């Protein structure tokens, strides 16, 4: 899935967070393109994108 991020108002907010050394966190309903959006932003910034689906994990998998 390719997401058009050129005119998306959240791109600037995500870029500000990335440049401040913070990790952006998107929250929203399933299927609205959050992962695709972040994957594209990561590609634009030459960053590694790791897609973790917590719903499919056990709590012991998440605990470090």
N, C-alpha and C. Protein backbone atom coordinates (compact mmCIF):
# COMPACT_ATOMS: atom_id res chain seq x y z
N UNK A 1 0.84 -1.18 0.00
CA UNK A 1 0.00 0.00 0.00
C UNK A 1 0.89 1.24 0.00
N UNK A 2 0.68 2.13 -0.94
CA UNK A 2 1.42 3.37 -1.00
C UNK A 2 0.52 4.50 -0.52
N UNK A 3 1.04 5.27 0.40
CA UNK A 3 0.28 6.36 0.98
C UNK A 3 0.86 7.68 0.49
N UNK A 4 0.00 8.59 0.07
CA UNK A 4 0.44 9.91 -0.34
C UNK A 4 0.64 10.76 0.92
N UNK A 5 1.88 11.12 1.20
CA UNK A 5 2.16 11.91 2.40
C UNK A 5 2.54 13.34 2.08
N UNK A 6 2.64 13.68 0.80
CA UNK A 6 3.11 15.01 0.41
C UNK A 6 2.26 16.13 0.99
N UNK A 7 0.95 16.00 0.98
CA UNK A 7 0.08 17.06 1.48
C UNK A 7 -0.54 16.73 2.82
N UNK A 8 -0.03 15.72 3.48
CA UNK A 8 -0.59 15.32 4.76
C UNK A 8 -0.09 16.25 5.86
N UNK A 9 -0.99 16.84 6.64
CA UNK A 9 -0.57 17.80 7.67
C UNK A 9 0.25 17.18 8.79
N UNK A 10 0.17 15.86 8.94
CA UNK A 10 0.90 15.22 10.03
C UNK A 10 2.36 14.96 9.70
N UNK A 11 2.73 15.07 8.44
CA UNK A 11 4.13 14.83 8.05
C UNK A 11 5.06 15.79 8.79
N UNK A 12 4.70 17.06 8.85
CA UNK A 12 5.55 18.03 9.55
C UNK A 12 5.66 17.71 11.03
N UNK A 13 4.57 17.29 11.66
CA UNK A 13 4.62 16.94 13.08
C UNK A 13 5.52 15.74 13.33
N UNK A 14 5.42 14.76 12.45
CA UNK A 14 6.28 13.57 12.59
C UNK A 14 7.74 13.95 12.36
N UNK A 15 8.01 14.79 11.36
CA UNK A 15 9.38 15.23 11.11
C UNK A 15 9.94 16.01 12.30
N UNK A 16 9.12 16.85 12.92
CA UNK A 16 9.56 17.60 14.11
C UNK A 16 9.93 16.63 15.23
N UNK A 17 9.10 15.62 15.44
CA UNK A 17 9.37 14.63 16.49
C UNK A 17 10.66 13.87 16.19
N UNK A 18 10.84 13.45 14.94
CA UNK A 18 12.05 12.71 14.56
C UNK A 18 13.29 13.58 14.75
N UNK A 19 13.24 14.82 14.30
CA UNK A 19 14.38 15.72 14.43
C UNK A 19 14.68 16.08 15.88
N UNK A 20 13.68 15.96 16.76
CA UNK A 20 13.89 16.22 18.18
C UNK A 20 14.39 14.97 18.91
N UNK A 21 14.58 13.87 18.16
CA UNK A 21 15.08 12.64 18.76
C UNK A 21 13.98 11.83 19.43
N UNK A 22 12.74 12.14 19.14
CA UNK A 22 11.60 11.43 19.74
C UNK A 22 11.09 10.36 18.77
N UNK A 23 10.36 9.40 19.30
CA UNK A 23 9.75 8.36 18.48
C UNK A 23 8.27 8.66 18.34
N UNK A 24 7.81 8.92 17.12
CA UNK A 24 6.39 9.20 16.92
C UNK A 24 5.52 7.99 17.24
N UNK A 25 4.34 8.24 17.77
CA UNK A 25 3.38 7.19 18.08
C UNK A 25 2.04 7.60 17.53
N UNK A 26 1.49 6.80 16.61
CA UNK A 26 0.20 7.09 16.03
C UNK A 26 -0.84 6.15 16.63
N UNK A 27 -1.99 6.70 16.95
CA UNK A 27 -3.08 5.92 17.51
C UNK A 27 -4.32 6.17 16.66
N UNK A 28 -4.99 5.12 16.28
CA UNK A 28 -6.20 5.27 15.47
C UNK A 28 -6.82 3.92 15.17
N UNK A 29 -7.96 3.96 14.52
CA UNK A 29 -8.70 2.75 14.17
C UNK A 29 -7.89 1.88 13.22
N UNK A 30 -8.16 0.57 13.23
CA UNK A 30 -7.49 -0.32 12.29
C UNK A 30 -7.82 0.02 10.84
N UNK A 31 -6.83 -0.11 9.98
CA UNK A 31 -7.06 0.01 8.55
C UNK A 31 -7.08 1.41 7.99
N UNK A 32 -6.65 2.41 8.76
CA UNK A 32 -6.68 3.78 8.23
C UNK A 32 -5.35 4.20 7.62
N UNK A 33 -4.33 3.33 7.68
CA UNK A 33 -3.06 3.62 7.02
C UNK A 33 -1.96 4.14 7.92
N UNK A 34 -2.07 3.91 9.23
CA UNK A 34 -1.03 4.40 10.15
C UNK A 34 0.33 3.80 9.83
N UNK A 35 0.38 2.50 9.65
CA UNK A 35 1.66 1.84 9.37
C UNK A 35 2.20 2.25 8.01
N UNK A 36 1.33 2.33 7.02
CA UNK A 36 1.76 2.74 5.68
C UNK A 36 2.29 4.17 5.71
N UNK A 37 1.62 5.04 6.46
CA UNK A 37 2.06 6.42 6.59
C UNK A 37 3.45 6.48 7.22
N UNK A 38 3.65 5.77 8.32
CA UNK A 38 4.95 5.80 9.00
C UNK A 38 6.03 5.14 8.17
N UNK A 39 5.68 4.08 7.43
CA UNK A 39 6.65 3.43 6.55
C UNK A 39 7.14 4.42 5.49
N UNK A 40 6.22 5.20 4.92
CA UNK A 40 6.59 6.17 3.90
C UNK A 40 7.41 7.31 4.49
N UNK A 41 7.05 7.79 5.67
CA UNK A 41 7.82 8.85 6.34
C UNK A 41 9.23 8.34 6.63
N UNK A 42 9.34 7.10 7.10
CA UNK A 42 10.66 6.52 7.38
C UNK A 42 11.48 6.43 6.09
N UNK A 43 10.84 6.01 4.99
CA UNK A 43 11.55 5.93 3.71
C UNK A 43 12.03 7.31 3.27
N UNK A 44 11.19 8.33 3.44
CA UNK A 44 11.56 9.69 3.04
C UNK A 44 12.74 10.22 3.85
N UNK A 45 12.87 9.76 5.10
CA UNK A 45 13.93 10.22 5.99
C UNK A 45 15.09 9.23 6.07
N UNK A 46 15.06 8.20 5.21
CA UNK A 46 16.11 7.18 5.19
C UNK A 46 16.30 6.55 6.58
N UNK A 47 15.18 6.17 7.20
CA UNK A 47 15.19 5.56 8.52
C UNK A 47 14.70 4.12 8.45
N UNK A 48 15.14 3.31 9.40
CA UNK A 48 14.67 1.94 9.51
C UNK A 48 13.25 1.95 10.08
N UNK A 49 12.36 1.22 9.46
CA UNK A 49 10.98 1.11 9.93
C UNK A 49 10.75 -0.31 10.41
N UNK A 50 10.38 -0.46 11.67
CA UNK A 50 10.08 -1.77 12.24
C UNK A 50 8.60 -1.79 12.59
N UNK A 51 7.85 -2.67 11.94
CA UNK A 51 6.40 -2.77 12.13
C UNK A 51 6.13 -3.87 13.14
N UNK A 52 5.69 -3.50 14.34
CA UNK A 52 5.41 -4.46 15.40
C UNK A 52 3.91 -4.45 15.66
N UNK A 53 3.28 -5.59 15.54
CA UNK A 53 1.85 -5.72 15.79
C UNK A 53 1.66 -6.32 17.18
N UNK A 54 1.39 -5.48 18.17
CA UNK A 54 1.29 -5.94 19.55
C UNK A 54 0.08 -6.84 19.78
N UNK A 55 -0.97 -6.68 18.99
CA UNK A 55 -2.17 -7.49 19.17
C UNK A 55 -1.88 -8.97 18.98
N UNK A 56 -0.88 -9.29 18.21
CA UNK A 56 -0.54 -10.70 17.95
C UNK A 56 0.54 -11.22 18.87
N UNK A 57 0.90 -10.46 19.90
CA UNK A 57 1.98 -10.88 20.79
C UNK A 57 1.45 -11.16 22.19
N UNK A 58 2.14 -12.03 22.87
CA UNK A 58 1.85 -12.30 24.28
C UNK A 58 2.59 -11.27 25.13
N UNK A 59 2.06 -10.98 26.29
CA UNK A 59 2.69 -10.00 27.18
C UNK A 59 4.13 -10.39 27.51
N UNK A 60 4.40 -11.68 27.63
CA UNK A 60 5.77 -12.11 27.94
C UNK A 60 6.72 -11.85 26.77
N UNK A 61 6.18 -11.75 25.55
CA UNK A 61 7.01 -11.43 24.39
C UNK A 61 7.44 -9.96 24.43
N UNK A 62 6.61 -9.11 25.01
CA UNK A 62 6.87 -7.67 25.03
C UNK A 62 7.76 -7.29 26.20
N UNK A 63 7.63 -7.97 27.30
CA UNK A 63 8.39 -7.67 28.51
C UNK A 63 9.87 -7.95 28.28
N UNK A 64 10.70 -6.96 28.57
CA UNK A 64 12.14 -7.16 28.36
C UNK A 64 12.87 -7.27 29.68
